[in-house]
Amino acid sequence: MSDGYLAIARKWRPRTLEEMAGQTHVTRTLGNALASGRLHHAFLFTGARGVGKTTAARAFARSLNCMKGPALTPCGECTPCIEIPNGTSPDVIEVDGASNNSVEDIRDLRDGVRYLPSSGRFKIYVIDEVHMLSKGAFNALLKTLEEPPPHVKFIFATTEVNKIPETILSRVQRFDFKRIPGPVVAERLRLICDAEGVQVSDAALRMVARAGEGSMRDSQSLLDQVISFGGMSPTDEQVTQILGLVDRRVLYEMLEGLLSGDAARCLDAVAAVYESGYEIAQFTGELLELVRDTALVALSPKAERHMDAPVEERERLGRLAQGVPAEQLARTFHVLLEVHDQVARASRPRMVLEMAVARLVSIRPAEPVGVLVDRLADLERRMRGGGAAPPRPRGRESADDPEGERRR
């Protein structure tokens, strides 16, 4: 590749709040604040990695300093609009809280706050991983954060909000970024692939999105890896291989074996996983998700909207769930969850899973309490009708039993 190559995660990084995916609750609130002019002096963006915190901070800074703003949609032509996405604006100072976490660093920041912005409307301090600041640094920041000059805005980003002192939290507007749903990630990946000329199936993009676990950045980095491995037309098998995912056919073999009580089928699936070099813990984790999806289908057809699975898989799960009580699936899930924890800790995980097959294939739906009560009532009626002698209570002999008399 040429030296000018940009990773997908950087090349396709949103430049405006409107371009961000999966964080509508944040972008709408910030957009309303920009439109109304009700702009707080300090903001805290918190959430898991790769969900758009730093991206939102830069986009928000651009909206704040646009010469035709503040506006949700910046003009894209003025000096701040050009400089801020490139990281060259003198009025937007990005600070890494992990490496600039001392009292002296914050004192330098506090001294710089007094100076007016060079060309923009505001001087904006973006402090990433703010939870890494020392206790003394937080105390040094406190007064400035409480009463900053009118030309200063603070934007903090963190993955561990629980480590930030309450005195800081009480002085900021907090925005919680959520993990991005798989379908939203897959949709964005499809847009990128179409623009880049990458021929890849929707099923493969769903696998990439699932592996990203709600992180847009991680998913885009995985897509980059897939393209590097499979070229501009990666197959589903190549995507499965590069992501280290278990073949879906083996997962379904195992699931069908569990539900039908076919131990041999289950053991063949375990052997296939082991021989293919897949992690046993990865296999049980994906199997747990498949059992969960099957249980949702068994509970209600409307539960499909909570599943991250293609239509053909939903139909297959629907056929598997027919005649299988949701209670049996729930018990299978709980046993498998216990097995998954054991496998993750075991030095010989294959053996643990093979021995667990005996428990898993023997799970059958429990008799409802009402049925058991009816059976007991029927048995009692038959005994009273002379069909059988009632059992003698243990430890007590009948009064007219001579043998009992002799024993006493």
Protein backbone atom coordinates (compact mmCIF):
# COMPACT_ATOMS: atom_id res chain seq x y z
CA MET A 1 0.00 0.00 0.00
CA SER A 2 1.07 3.57 -0.55
CA ASP A 3 2.33 5.78 2.25
CA GLY A 4 -0.80 7.93 1.86
CA TYR A 5 -3.18 5.13 2.78
CA LEU A 6 -5.67 6.01 5.49
CA ALA A 7 -7.29 3.33 7.60
CA ILE A 8 -11.04 3.01 7.11
CA ALA A 9 -11.71 4.10 10.69
CA ARG A 10 -9.88 7.39 10.02
CA LYS A 11 -10.99 7.95 6.45
CA TRP A 12 -14.68 7.45 7.27
CA ARG A 13 -14.69 9.24 10.61
CA PRO A 14 -17.80 11.46 10.81
CA ARG A 15 -17.06 15.18 10.58
CA THR A 16 -20.44 16.45 11.74
CA LEU A 17 -22.86 15.41 14.46
CA GLU A 18 -25.45 14.52 11.80
CA GLU A 19 -23.12 11.93 10.26
CA MET A 20 -22.76 10.00 13.52
CA ALA A 21 -24.56 6.67 13.71
CA GLY A 22 -26.29 5.10 16.69
CA GLN A 23 -26.09 8.06 19.11
CA THR A 24 -29.25 9.97 18.18
CA HIS A 25 -30.04 10.80 21.83
CA VAL A 26 -26.71 12.65 22.08
CA THR A 27 -26.64 14.38 18.70
CA ARG A 28 -30.24 15.56 19.01
CA THR A 29 -29.64 17.12 22.43
CA LEU A 30 -26.45 18.85 21.29
CA GLY A 31 -28.20 20.02 18.12
CA ASN A 32 -31.04 21.55 20.15
CA ALA A 33 -28.51 23.29 22.40
CA LEU A 34 -26.76 24.76 19.35
CA ALA A 35 -30.05 25.93 17.85
CA SER A 36 -31.29 27.53 21.05
CA GLY A 37 -27.96 28.97 22.17
CA ARG A 38 -28.26 27.23 25.56
CA LEU A 39 -24.65 26.08 25.61
CA HIS A 40 -23.15 24.78 28.83
CA HIS A 41 -19.50 25.49 29.53
CA ALA A 42 -18.48 21.85 30.19
CA PHE A 43 -19.55 18.53 28.70
CA LEU A 44 -18.73 14.94 29.65
CA PHE A 45 -18.97 12.17 27.03
CA THR A 46 -18.85 8.70 28.58
CA GLY A 47 -19.24 5.22 27.15
CA ALA A 48 -17.45 2.13 25.88
CA ARG A 49 -14.51 2.33 23.50
CA GLY A 50 -15.09 3.10 19.86
CA VAL A 51 -18.66 4.40 20.15
CA GLY A 52 -17.90 7.96 19.01
CA LYS A 53 -16.96 10.02 22.08
CA THR A 54 -13.86 11.75 20.65
CA THR A 55 -15.47 11.97 17.21
CA ALA A 56 -18.48 13.71 18.75
CA ALA A 57 -16.18 16.07 20.65
CA ARG A 58 -14.44 17.16 17.44
CA ALA A 59 -17.69 17.45 15.52
CA PHE A 60 -19.25 19.49 18.33
CA ALA A 61 -16.19 21.76 18.47
CA ARG A 62 -16.55 22.30 14.73
CA SER A 63 -20.21 23.22 15.14
CA LEU A 64 -19.35 25.63 17.96
CA ASN A 65 -16.60 27.46 16.07
CA CYS A 66 -18.03 27.52 12.55
CA MET A 67 -17.97 31.13 11.35
CA LYS A 68 -21.60 30.76 10.24
CA GLY A 69 -22.66 29.06 13.47
CA PRO A 70 -22.95 27.86 16.07
CA ALA A 71 -24.87 25.36 13.97
CA LEU A 72 -25.59 21.64 13.91
CA THR A 73 -24.47 21.57 10.27
CA PRO A 74 -21.25 23.61 9.90
CA CYS A 75 -20.53 25.27 6.57
CA GLY A 76 -17.41 23.19 5.86
CA GLU A 77 -15.72 26.12 4.14
CA CYS A 78 -14.49 28.49 6.83
CA THR A 79 -11.08 28.22 8.53
CA PRO A 80 -12.32 26.45 11.73
CA CYS A 81 -14.35 23.95 9.67
CA ILE A 82 -11.25 23.00 7.72
CA GLU A 83 -8.74 23.05 10.57
CA ILE A 84 -10.65 21.26 13.34
CA PRO A 85 -11.12 17.87 11.54
CA ASN A 86 -7.44 17.94 10.58
CA GLY A 87 -6.37 18.62 14.16
CA THR A 88 -4.60 21.87 13.23
CA SER A 89 -6.89 24.45 14.83
CA PRO A 90 -5.09 26.56 17.47
CA ASP A 91 -8.42 27.10 19.24
CA VAL A 92 -9.20 23.42 19.81
CA ILE A 93 -6.65 21.94 22.21
CA GLU A 94 -6.77 18.15 22.57
CA VAL A 95 -5.20 16.80 25.75
CA ASP A 96 -4.44 13.15 26.48
CA GLY A 97 -5.44 12.69 30.11
CA ALA A 98 -3.36 9.53 30.39
CA SER A 99 -0.02 11.26 29.73
CA ASN A 100 -0.84 14.79 30.88
CA ASN A 101 -2.33 14.02 34.25
CA SER A 102 -0.20 15.97 36.71
CA VAL A 103 -0.99 19.14 38.62
CA GLU A 104 1.61 21.02 36.53
CA ASP A 105 -0.12 20.02 33.29
CA ILE A 106 -3.45 21.33 34.53
CA ARG A 107 -1.83 24.53 35.77
CA ASP A 108 -0.47 25.12 32.27
CA LEU A 109 -3.96 24.53 30.90
CA ARG A 110 -5.42 26.91 33.46
CA ASP A 111 -2.94 29.61 32.45
CA GLY A 112 -3.83 29.19 28.78
CA VAL A 113 -7.54 29.57 29.49
CA ARG A 114 -7.09 33.32 30.04
CA TYR A 115 -6.12 33.99 26.42
CA LEU A 116 -8.76 34.67 23.77
CA PRO A 117 -9.18 32.31 20.81
CA SER A 118 -7.16 33.08 17.69
CA SER A 119 -9.86 32.91 15.03
CA GLY A 120 -12.76 30.89 16.36
CA ARG A 121 -15.61 31.84 18.63
CA PHE A 122 -14.50 29.66 21.53
CA LYS A 123 -11.33 28.19 22.92
CA ILE A 124 -12.21 24.51 23.34
CA TYR A 125 -10.32 22.03 25.51
CA VAL A 126 -10.95 18.36 24.68
CA ILE A 127 -9.51 16.11 27.42
CA ASP A 128 -9.57 12.44 26.43
CA GLU A 129 -9.45 9.71 29.10
CA VAL A 130 -10.10 12.38 31.70
CA HIS A 131 -10.48 9.76 34.44
CA MET A 132 -6.69 9.30 34.31
CA LEU A 133 -6.05 12.72 35.86
CA SER A 134 -4.57 12.61 39.35
CA LYS A 135 -6.53 13.77 42.38
CA GLY A 136 -4.38 16.90 42.55
CA ALA A 137 -4.98 17.62 38.87
CA PHE A 138 -8.75 17.36 39.36
CA ASN A 139 -8.52 19.78 42.30
CA ALA A 140 -6.45 22.19 40.21
CA LEU A 141 -9.08 22.05 37.46
CA LEU A 142 -12.03 22.51 39.79
CA LYS A 143 -12.11 26.30 40.12
CA THR A 144 -11.54 26.91 36.42
CA LEU A 145 -14.23 24.39 35.53
CA GLU A 146 -16.71 26.05 37.87
CA GLU A 147 -16.23 29.60 36.58
CA PRO A 148 -14.45 29.54 33.22
CA PRO A 149 -14.15 32.64 31.02
CA PRO A 150 -17.07 33.03 28.57
CA HIS A 151 -14.84 32.19 25.59
CA VAL A 152 -13.87 28.73 26.94
CA LYS A 153 -15.61 25.36 26.57
CA PHE A 154 -14.51 22.03 28.05
CA ILE A 155 -15.30 18.62 26.54
CA PHE A 156 -14.24 15.57 28.55
CA ALA A 157 -14.26 11.98 27.27
CA THR A 158 -13.92 8.85 29.39
CA THR A 159 -14.56 5.12 29.42
CA GLU A 160 -14.60 4.95 33.24
CA VAL A 161 -16.90 7.63 34.57
CA ASN A 162 -16.92 5.99 38.01
CA LYS A 163 -13.35 7.21 38.55
CA ILE A 164 -14.25 10.88 38.13
CA PRO A 165 -14.84 12.81 41.39
CA GLU A 166 -18.38 13.91 42.16
CA THR A 167 -17.17 17.50 42.41
CA ILE A 168 -16.29 17.36 38.71
CA LEU A 169 -19.44 15.48 37.68
CA SER A 170 -21.63 18.11 39.32
CA ARG A 171 -20.14 20.82 37.09
CA VAL A 172 -20.59 19.18 33.69
CA GLN A 173 -23.40 18.11 31.37
CA ARG A 174 -23.13 14.33 31.06
CA PHE A 175 -23.89 12.38 27.88
CA ASP A 176 -23.86 8.57 27.96
CA PHE A 177 -22.88 7.00 24.65
CA LYS A 178 -24.44 3.59 24.02
CA ARG A 179 -23.02 0.58 22.25
CA ILE A 180 -24.06 0.83 18.61
CA PRO A 181 -26.60 -1.82 17.50
CA GLY A 182 -25.30 -4.45 15.09
CA PRO A 183 -27.70 -3.56 12.24
CA VAL A 184 -26.64 0.11 12.46
CA VAL A 185 -22.96 -0.87 12.29
CA ALA A 186 -23.60 -3.24 9.38
CA GLU A 187 -25.47 -0.50 7.51
CA ARG A 188 -22.52 1.88 7.89
CA LEU A 189 -20.09 -0.85 6.80
CA ARG A 190 -22.24 -1.43 3.70
CA LEU A 191 -22.05 2.26 2.85
CA ILE A 192 -18.26 2.17 3.18
CA CYS A 193 -17.89 -0.98 1.09
CA ASP A 194 -20.07 0.40 -1.71
CA ALA A 195 -18.03 3.60 -1.78
CA GLU A 196 -14.72 1.71 -1.71
CA GLY A 197 -15.78 -0.82 -4.35
CA VAL A 198 -15.57 -3.81 -1.98
CA GLN A 199 -17.79 -6.75 -2.97
CA VAL A 200 -18.88 -8.44 0.24
CA SER A 201 -22.12 -10.10 1.34
CA ASP A 202 -24.51 -8.70 3.91
CA ALA A 203 -23.98 -11.86 6.00
CA ALA A 204 -20.24 -11.16 6.14
CA LEU A 205 -20.84 -7.57 7.22
CA ARG A 206 -23.16 -8.78 9.97
CA MET A 207 -20.38 -11.08 11.18
CA VAL A 208 -17.96 -8.14 11.24
CA ALA A 209 -20.48 -5.98 13.10
CA ARG A 210 -21.14 -8.76 15.63
CA ALA A 211 -17.41 -9.21 16.22
CA GLY A 212 -17.08 -5.45 16.81
CA GLU A 213 -19.38 -5.77 19.85
CA GLY A 214 -21.07 -2.40 19.46
CA SER A 215 -17.90 -0.45 18.65
CA MET A 216 -17.95 1.30 15.28
CA ARG A 217 -14.20 1.86 15.33
CA ASP A 218 -13.45 -1.79 16.13
CA SER A 219 -15.84 -2.93 13.39
CA GLN A 220 -14.22 -0.65 10.82
CA SER A 221 -10.77 -1.87 11.84
CA LEU A 222 -11.95 -5.46 11.42
CA LEU A 223 -13.32 -4.59 7.97
CA ASP A 224 -9.89 -3.23 7.07
CA GLN A 225 -8.40 -6.53 8.21
CA VAL A 226 -10.91 -8.53 6.17
CA ILE A 227 -10.08 -6.55 3.02
CA SER A 228 -6.36 -7.01 3.60
CA PHE A 229 -6.89 -10.78 3.90
CA GLY A 230 -9.53 -11.42 1.24
CA GLY A 231 -8.98 -8.57 -1.19
CA MET A 232 -11.77 -6.51 -2.72
CA SER A 233 -14.11 -9.53 -2.88
CA PRO A 234 -13.78 -11.43 0.40
CA THR A 235 -15.95 -14.54 0.76
CA ASP A 236 -18.01 -15.45 3.80
CA GLU A 237 -15.58 -18.29 4.55
CA GLN A 238 -12.62 -15.89 4.49
CA VAL A 239 -14.44 -13.50 6.82
CA THR A 240 -15.19 -16.37 9.21
CA GLN A 241 -11.55 -17.42 9.09
CA ILE A 242 -9.99 -13.98 9.64
CA LEU A 243 -12.36 -13.13 12.48
CA GLY A 244 -11.77 -16.47 14.19
CA LEU A 245 -15.49 -17.23 14.20
CA VAL A 246 -16.91 -20.72 14.41
CA ASP A 247 -18.52 -22.12 11.26
CA ARG A 248 -22.28 -21.59 11.60
CA ARG A 249 -22.93 -25.09 10.26
CA VAL A 250 -21.09 -26.62 13.21
CA LEU A 251 -23.03 -24.42 15.64
CA TYR A 252 -26.33 -25.60 14.17
CA GLU A 253 -25.17 -29.22 14.26
CA MET A 254 -24.50 -28.84 17.98
CA LEU A 255 -27.78 -27.04 18.66
CA GLU A 256 -29.87 -29.58 16.76
CA GLY A 257 -28.07 -32.40 18.56
CA LEU A 258 -28.82 -30.83 21.95
CA LEU A 259 -32.50 -30.31 21.22
CA SER A 260 -33.00 -33.82 19.78
CA GLY A 261 -30.92 -35.56 22.46
CA ASP A 262 -28.44 -36.88 19.87
CA ALA A 263 -25.19 -37.19 21.83
CA ALA A 264 -23.18 -38.56 18.87
CA ARG A 265 -24.08 -35.53 16.78
CA CYS A 266 -22.98 -33.19 19.57
CA LEU A 267 -19.66 -35.01 20.05
CA ASP A 268 -19.00 -34.84 16.30
CA ALA A 269 -19.55 -31.07 16.45
CA VAL A 270 -17.15 -30.72 19.39
CA ALA A 271 -14.53 -32.72 17.49
CA ALA A 272 -14.99 -30.55 14.39
CA VAL A 273 -14.45 -27.40 16.45
CA TYR A 274 -11.33 -28.80 18.07
CA GLU A 275 -9.81 -30.10 14.84
CA SER A 276 -10.46 -26.79 13.06
CA GLY A 277 -8.44 -24.97 15.68
CA TYR A 278 -11.29 -22.84 17.04
CA GLU A 279 -11.27 -21.85 20.68
CA ILE A 280 -13.70 -24.03 22.63
CA ALA A 281 -14.71 -21.03 24.77
CA GLN A 282 -15.46 -19.06 21.58
CA PHE A 283 -17.63 -21.96 20.41
CA THR A 284 -19.63 -22.18 23.65
CA GLY A 285 -20.05 -18.38 23.66
CA GLU A 286 -21.51 -18.37 20.16
CA LEU A 287 -23.65 -21.41 21.01
CA LEU A 288 -25.06 -19.51 23.99
CA GLU A 289 -26.13 -16.71 21.66
CA LEU A 290 -27.77 -19.22 19.30
CA VAL A 291 -29.69 -20.89 22.16
CA ARG A 292 -30.81 -17.45 23.32
CA ASP A 293 -32.08 -16.58 19.83
CA THR A 294 -33.95 -19.90 19.63
CA ALA A 295 -35.58 -19.20 23.00
CA LEU A 296 -36.70 -15.76 21.81
CA VAL A 297 -38.31 -17.30 18.72
CA ALA A 298 -40.04 -19.90 20.92
CA LEU A 299 -41.38 -17.18 23.23
CA SER A 300 -42.91 -15.01 20.52
CA PRO A 301 -42.56 -14.33 16.79
CA LYS A 302 -42.37 -10.62 17.65
CA ALA A 303 -39.18 -11.26 19.63
CA GLU A 304 -37.28 -11.48 16.33
CA ARG A 305 -36.67 -7.72 16.41
CA HIS A 306 -34.33 -8.29 19.36
CA MET A 307 -32.16 -10.69 17.36
CA ASP A 308 -29.11 -9.82 15.30
CA ALA A 309 -29.59 -12.56 12.70
CA PRO A 310 -30.44 -12.66 8.97
CA VAL A 311 -33.91 -13.68 7.78
CA GLU A 312 -32.84 -17.17 6.70
CA GLU A 313 -31.38 -17.91 10.15
CA ARG A 314 -34.51 -16.65 11.86
CA GLU A 315 -36.59 -19.01 9.73
CA ARG A 316 -34.28 -21.90 10.58
CA LEU A 317 -34.44 -21.09 14.28
CA GLY A 318 -38.22 -20.91 14.00
CA ARG A 319 -38.30 -24.46 12.62
CA LEU A 320 -35.97 -25.66 15.39
CA ALA A 321 -38.09 -24.02 18.09
CA GLN A 322 -41.28 -25.80 16.97
CA GLY A 323 -42.32 -28.29 19.61
CA VAL A 324 -39.54 -27.26 22.00
CA PRO A 325 -40.87 -25.56 25.16
CA ALA A 326 -39.26 -22.25 26.06
CA GLU A 327 -38.61 -23.72 29.52
CA GLN A 328 -36.39 -26.45 28.03
CA LEU A 329 -34.42 -23.84 26.09
CA ALA A 330 -34.03 -21.72 29.22
CA ARG A 331 -32.69 -24.70 31.18
CA THR A 332 -30.33 -25.54 28.32
CA PHE A 333 -29.07 -21.95 28.33
CA HIS A 334 -28.36 -21.94 32.06
CA VAL A 335 -26.52 -25.27 31.97
CA LEU A 336 -24.54 -24.12 28.92
CA LEU A 337 -23.67 -20.85 30.66
CA GLU A 338 -22.18 -22.83 33.54
CA VAL A 339 -20.29 -25.03 31.06
CA HIS A 340 -19.00 -21.94 29.23
CA ASP A 341 -17.50 -20.61 32.47
CA GLN A 342 -15.88 -23.98 33.17
CA VAL A 343 -14.48 -24.24 29.65
CA ALA A 344 -12.98 -20.74 29.87
CA ARG A 345 -11.01 -21.77 32.99
CA ALA A 346 -10.16 -25.37 32.10
CA SER A 347 -6.74 -26.53 30.93
CA ARG A 348 -8.46 -29.21 28.80
CA PRO A 349 -11.64 -27.48 27.59
CA ARG A 350 -12.56 -30.11 24.99
CA MET A 351 -12.85 -32.78 27.68
CA VAL A 352 -15.01 -30.51 29.84
CA LEU A 353 -17.41 -29.85 26.96
CA GLU A 354 -17.58 -33.52 25.98
CA MET A 355 -18.51 -34.51 29.54
CA ALA A 356 -21.07 -31.71 29.64
CA VAL A 357 -22.83 -33.16 26.59
CA ALA A 358 -24.33 -35.86 28.85
CA ARG A 359 -26.05 -33.17 30.92
CA LEU A 360 -27.09 -31.08 27.95
CA VAL A 361 -28.71 -33.82 25.84
CA SER A 362 -30.68 -35.17 28.83
CA ILE A 363 -32.50 -31.90 29.45
CA ARG A 364 -36.19 -32.40 28.91
CA PRO A 365 -39.15 -30.21 29.75
CA ALA A 366 -40.25 -30.52 33.35
CA GLU A 367 -43.78 -31.65 34.10
CA PRO A 368 -46.06 -28.73 35.03
CA VAL A 369 -47.09 -28.69 38.69
CA GLY A 370 -50.76 -28.94 37.74
CA VAL A 371 -50.16 -32.22 35.88
CA LEU A 372 -48.34 -33.71 38.88
CA VAL A 373 -51.15 -32.68 41.23
CA ASP A 374 -53.74 -34.29 38.93
CA ARG A 375 -51.72 -37.52 38.88
CA LEU A 376 -51.54 -37.63 42.66
CA ALA A 377 -55.29 -36.99 42.94
CA ASP A 378 -56.01 -39.78 40.45
CA LEU A 379 -53.75 -42.16 42.37
CA GLU A 380 -55.54 -41.32 45.61
CA ARG A 381 -58.97 -41.97 44.05
CA ARG A 382 -57.87 -45.36 42.75
CA MET A 383 -56.48 -46.35 46.12
CA ARG A 384 -59.70 -45.42 47.89
CA GLY A 385 -61.68 -47.39 45.35
CA GLY A 386 -59.84 -50.57 46.27
CA GLY A 387 -57.59 -50.63 43.28
CA ALA A 388 -54.56 -50.86 45.55
CA ALA A 389 -53.76 -50.96 49.25
CA PRO A 390 -52.43 -47.71 50.58
CA PRO A 391 -48.76 -47.89 51.46
CA ARG A 392 -48.02 -48.46 55.14
CA PRO A 393 -46.25 -45.49 56.73
CA ARG A 394 -42.63 -46.25 57.49
CA GLY A 395 -41.65 -46.70 61.12
CA ARG A 396 -45.17 -47.61 62.18
CA GLU A 397 -46.76 -51.07 62.28
CA SER A 398 -50.44 -51.76 62.09
CA ALA A 399 -52.16 -52.40 65.43
CA ASP A 400 -53.64 -55.72 64.21
CA ASP A 401 -50.36 -56.98 62.78
CA PRO A 402 -49.23 -59.90 64.97
CA GLU A 403 -45.76 -59.77 63.54
CA GLY A 404 -45.64 -56.19 64.53
CA GLU A 405 -46.85 -57.06 68.00
CA ARG A 406 -44.09 -59.63 68.40
CA ARG A 407 -41.47 -57.11 67.18
CA ARG A 408 -42.67 -54.61 69.79
